[in-house]
Amino acid sequence: MFLRLMFVLLIALNIAVGAWLLLGQPYSRAGMATDPGVPALRLLSELPEPAASAAPGPLPAPPPASVAKPVAAAKVETPAPAPSCVALGPFTTPEDLRRAREALSGQARRMRSRQEQVNQSHGWWVYLPAMATRAQALARARELAEHHIDDYFVVSSGEQPNTISLGLFKDQGNARKRRAEVIAAGFPAQVTERVETVPEYWLDLVVPGDAGTRWRSRVPRGVEPRRISCF
């Protein structure tokens, strides 16, 4: 009885082992566990690990921001003052002109000397017109004396001989007063300006615009500037 029981247990054990070997391995059976065209189900643990993705390289450095260079302020140059052109004079003598030129040689860009002929007043002359002869002039002079008019002179030579001069006056008013007195006595007195042509000496300068009037201390008194065209 015991042996039969052992035999039965042995047979049952063999059957159990065979069934386990046959049915216990999930992929040992032939055939597909799914319908055709349907991918087989796989556990996540059975899937191959994905290849490690390449480590991302360093991002390209952004282009350096353009730094605006400071723009230097444009240098505004103040234009130099325009030169002045003046004539200094008149000088009385060539020597005065020469000394002034030497004194101003360091202040002028250009210089030139020149001489002009000008009419210069020498006063106002009161007279009686010339008589035809000297005898007539002397007779007229005696008539003046009879009318208590003195200070006369009978011109005997020159450009107006036989003229009776009644005086030379620097002031035109005094000359007119003398003429009026002689006319009141009955004589045809006349008055005219005595003019003589004399030389004048000038110094023309081209000076820098900022020179001002520094030249005044280097020239004689009475010398004045006169603006002229530049040369």
Protein backbone atom coordinates (compact mmCIF):
# COMPACT_ATOMS: atom_id res chain seq x y z
CA MET A 1 0.00 0.00 0.00
CA PHE A 2 2.79 2.35 0.87
CA LEU A 3 4.67 1.47 -2.26
CA ARG A 4 1.60 2.09 -4.38
CA LEU A 5 1.16 5.45 -2.76
CA MET A 6 4.77 6.34 -3.40
CA PHE A 7 4.44 5.26 -7.02
CA VAL A 8 1.36 7.39 -7.50
CA LEU A 9 3.08 10.40 -5.93
CA LEU A 10 6.11 9.85 -8.10
CA ILE A 11 3.95 9.76 -11.22
CA ALA A 12 2.08 12.91 -10.11
CA LEU A 13 5.37 14.64 -9.44
CA ASN A 14 6.67 13.77 -12.90
CA ILE A 15 3.47 15.04 -14.47
CA ALA A 16 3.74 18.29 -12.50
CA VAL A 17 7.39 18.81 -13.48
CA GLY A 18 6.61 18.11 -17.13
CA ALA A 19 3.69 20.50 -17.07
CA TRP A 20 5.78 23.21 -15.54
CA LEU A 21 8.57 22.74 -18.04
CA LEU A 22 6.02 22.87 -20.85
CA LEU A 23 3.72 25.60 -19.66
CA GLY A 24 5.81 27.59 -17.19
CA GLN A 25 8.16 29.37 -19.85
CA PRO A 26 6.18 32.24 -21.55
CA TYR A 27 8.27 32.35 -24.74
CA SER A 28 9.03 28.63 -25.11
CA ARG A 29 5.82 27.97 -27.04
CA ALA A 30 5.65 28.30 -30.78
CA GLY A 31 3.34 30.79 -32.41
CA MET A 32 2.51 34.39 -31.74
CA ALA A 33 0.54 35.57 -28.73
CA THR A 34 -1.09 38.34 -30.76
CA ASP A 35 -3.00 38.65 -33.97
CA PRO A 36 -1.05 39.13 -37.15
CA GLY A 37 -0.12 42.77 -37.81
CA VAL A 38 -0.37 43.71 -34.15
CA PRO A 39 2.97 44.35 -32.50
CA ALA A 40 3.77 42.14 -29.60
CA LEU A 41 3.53 43.54 -26.15
CA ARG A 42 6.80 43.88 -24.32
CA LEU A 43 7.58 44.85 -20.78
CA LEU A 44 9.52 48.04 -20.20
CA SER A 45 12.18 46.01 -18.46
CA GLU A 46 12.57 43.93 -21.64
CA LEU A 47 13.10 46.93 -23.91
CA PRO A 48 16.72 47.76 -24.78
CA GLU A 49 17.99 50.89 -23.16
CA PRO A 50 18.11 53.80 -25.66
CA ALA A 51 21.52 54.89 -26.74
CA ALA A 52 22.73 57.81 -24.73
CA SER A 53 22.03 60.90 -26.73
CA ALA A 54 25.07 62.91 -27.52
CA ALA A 55 25.67 65.47 -24.91
CA PRO A 56 24.64 68.81 -26.30
CA GLY A 57 27.63 70.84 -27.23
CA PRO A 58 28.14 74.29 -25.83
CA LEU A 59 25.85 76.83 -27.32
CA PRO A 60 27.61 79.19 -29.71
CA ALA A 61 28.59 82.34 -28.01
CA PRO A 62 26.39 85.21 -29.09
CA PRO A 63 28.18 87.75 -31.24
CA PRO A 64 29.65 90.47 -29.12
CA ALA A 65 27.36 93.40 -28.93
CA SER A 66 28.78 96.25 -30.92
CA VAL A 67 29.89 98.87 -28.49
CA ALA A 68 29.31 102.32 -29.83
CA LYS A 69 32.59 104.12 -29.83
CA PRO A 70 32.36 107.55 -28.36
CA VAL A 71 32.35 110.05 -31.15
CA ALA A 72 34.67 112.88 -30.44
CA ALA A 73 32.94 116.18 -30.68
CA ALA A 74 33.86 117.90 -33.87
CA LYS A 75 36.29 120.67 -33.19
CA VAL A 76 34.86 123.88 -34.48
CA GLU A 77 37.62 126.21 -35.47
CA THR A 78 36.85 129.85 -35.12
CA PRO A 79 37.89 131.61 -38.27
CA ALA A 80 40.60 134.15 -37.83
CA PRO A 81 39.43 137.73 -38.03
CA ALA A 82 39.80 139.23 -41.47
CA PRO A 83 42.76 141.58 -41.85
CA SER A 84 42.23 145.32 -41.87
CA CYS A 85 43.69 147.64 -44.44
CA VAL A 86 44.33 151.21 -43.36
CA ALA A 87 46.30 154.21 -44.51
CA LEU A 88 48.12 156.18 -41.82
CA GLY A 89 48.90 159.82 -42.37
CA PRO A 90 49.47 162.35 -43.45
CA PHE A 91 53.11 162.53 -42.39
CA THR A 92 54.74 165.93 -42.66
CA THR A 93 58.10 164.82 -43.97
CA PRO A 94 59.61 161.70 -45.58
CA GLU A 95 61.67 161.24 -42.44
CA ASP A 96 58.54 160.97 -40.28
CA LEU A 97 57.20 158.38 -42.70
CA ARG A 98 60.42 156.36 -42.57
CA ARG A 99 60.45 156.27 -38.75
CA ALA A 100 56.82 155.14 -38.63
CA ARG A 101 57.50 152.36 -41.10
CA GLU A 102 60.37 151.05 -39.01
CA ALA A 103 58.27 151.19 -35.81
CA LEU A 104 55.38 149.26 -37.37
CA SER A 105 57.39 146.67 -39.28
CA GLY A 106 56.59 143.95 -36.70
CA GLN A 107 52.83 144.54 -36.59
CA ALA A 108 51.87 144.72 -40.25
CA ARG A 109 51.63 141.88 -42.75
CA ARG A 110 52.35 144.23 -45.64
CA MET A 111 53.28 147.91 -45.96
CA ARG A 112 53.77 150.44 -48.69
CA SER A 113 54.70 154.11 -48.73
CA ARG A 114 53.25 156.66 -51.09
CA GLN A 115 53.13 160.40 -51.74
CA GLU A 116 50.13 162.45 -52.77
CA GLN A 117 49.84 166.01 -54.02
CA VAL A 118 47.03 167.84 -52.26
CA ASN A 119 45.66 171.34 -52.17
CA GLN A 120 46.24 172.91 -48.79
CA SER A 121 44.50 176.03 -47.60
CA HIS A 122 46.74 178.87 -46.47
CA GLY A 123 44.00 181.21 -45.31
CA TRP A 124 41.56 183.70 -46.80
CA TRP A 125 42.83 186.71 -48.76
CA VAL A 126 40.97 190.02 -48.93
CA TYR A 127 42.07 192.32 -51.81
CA LEU A 128 41.15 194.90 -54.41
CA PRO A 129 41.39 193.64 -58.01
CA ALA A 130 44.50 194.56 -59.98
CA MET A 131 44.61 197.99 -61.63
CA ALA A 132 45.77 198.47 -65.22
CA THR A 133 48.96 200.26 -64.16
CA ARG A 134 51.03 200.64 -61.05
CA ALA A 135 50.23 204.37 -60.96
CA GLN A 136 46.53 203.56 -60.79
CA ALA A 137 47.19 201.04 -57.99
CA LEU A 138 49.09 203.66 -55.96
CA ALA A 139 46.30 206.20 -56.49
CA ARG A 140 43.75 203.69 -55.21
CA ALA A 141 45.92 203.05 -52.16
CA ARG A 142 45.87 206.78 -51.32
CA GLU A 143 42.07 206.73 -51.52
CA LEU A 144 41.99 203.90 -49.00
CA ALA A 145 44.10 205.95 -46.61
CA GLU A 146 41.73 208.88 -46.99
CA HIS A 147 38.90 206.58 -45.82
CA HIS A 148 40.95 205.54 -42.81
CA ILE A 149 41.53 202.06 -44.19
CA ASP A 150 45.01 200.96 -43.33
CA ASP A 151 46.90 197.66 -43.39
CA TYR A 152 47.04 197.40 -47.17
CA PHE A 153 49.85 196.53 -49.54
CA VAL A 154 50.31 197.20 -53.27
CA VAL A 155 51.53 194.04 -55.03
CA SER A 156 54.27 194.94 -57.50
CA SER A 157 55.20 191.52 -58.91
CA GLY A 158 54.11 187.93 -59.15
CA GLU A 159 50.98 186.51 -60.68
CA GLN A 160 48.77 189.46 -59.75
CA PRO A 161 50.75 192.69 -59.99
CA ASN A 162 49.05 196.04 -59.15
CA THR A 163 46.66 194.20 -56.81
CA ILE A 164 46.06 195.86 -53.43
CA SER A 165 46.17 193.30 -50.61
CA LEU A 166 43.95 194.07 -47.62
CA GLY A 167 45.01 191.17 -45.43
CA LEU A 168 45.36 187.37 -45.16
CA PHE A 169 43.17 185.69 -42.55
CA LYS A 170 43.18 182.15 -41.20
CA ASP A 171 39.53 182.42 -40.21
CA GLN A 172 37.03 182.86 -43.01
CA GLY A 173 34.71 184.86 -40.75
CA ASN A 174 37.36 187.49 -40.06
CA ALA A 175 38.07 187.72 -43.79
CA ARG A 176 34.42 188.38 -44.56
CA LYS A 177 34.25 191.03 -41.87
CA ARG A 178 37.24 192.88 -43.37
CA ARG A 179 35.71 192.70 -46.85
CA ALA A 180 32.43 194.14 -45.55
CA GLU A 181 34.25 197.13 -43.98
CA VAL A 182 36.07 197.95 -47.23
CA ILE A 183 32.91 197.60 -49.31
CA ALA A 184 31.12 199.93 -46.89
CA ALA A 185 33.80 202.56 -47.67
CA GLY A 186 33.02 202.29 -51.37
CA PHE A 187 35.72 199.93 -52.64
CA PRO A 188 35.07 196.61 -54.51
CA ALA A 189 36.86 194.31 -52.11
CA GLN A 190 36.91 190.60 -52.77
CA VAL A 191 37.81 187.53 -50.71
CA THR A 192 39.27 184.24 -51.87
CA GLU A 193 40.88 181.21 -50.33
CA ARG A 194 44.62 180.91 -50.78
CA VAL A 195 45.33 177.32 -51.82
CA GLU A 196 48.73 175.76 -52.36
CA THR A 197 49.59 172.31 -53.70
CA VAL A 198 51.79 170.46 -51.20
CA PRO A 199 53.01 166.84 -50.86
CA GLU A 200 51.53 164.47 -48.29
CA TYR A 201 53.13 161.20 -47.18
CA TRP A 202 51.08 158.10 -46.32
CA LEU A 203 51.81 154.63 -45.02
CA ASP A 204 49.42 151.86 -46.11
CA LEU A 205 49.19 148.82 -43.81
CA VAL A 206 47.61 145.38 -43.89
CA VAL A 207 47.26 144.43 -40.22
CA PRO A 208 45.66 141.34 -38.56
CA GLY A 209 42.02 141.74 -37.64
CA ASP A 210 42.79 141.47 -33.90
CA ALA A 211 45.59 144.06 -33.98
CA GLY A 212 43.21 146.80 -32.94
CA THR A 213 44.83 150.22 -32.66
CA ARG A 214 48.15 149.19 -31.14
CA TRP A 215 49.87 151.18 -33.86
CA ARG A 216 48.79 154.50 -32.31
CA SER A 217 51.58 154.49 -29.75
CA ARG A 218 54.19 154.09 -32.50
CA VAL A 219 53.34 157.02 -34.76
CA PRO A 220 53.45 160.80 -34.26
CA ARG A 221 50.44 162.68 -32.95
CA GLY A 222 48.00 163.86 -35.56
CA VAL A 223 48.41 160.75 -37.69
CA GLU A 224 45.01 159.17 -38.24
CA PRO A 225 43.85 155.98 -40.01
CA ARG A 226 41.82 155.94 -43.18
CA ARG A 227 40.25 152.69 -44.36
CA ILE A 228 41.37 151.63 -47.82
CA SER A 229 41.00 148.65 -50.13
CA CYS A 230 43.39 145.82 -49.32
CA PHE A 231 46.40 145.37 -51.53
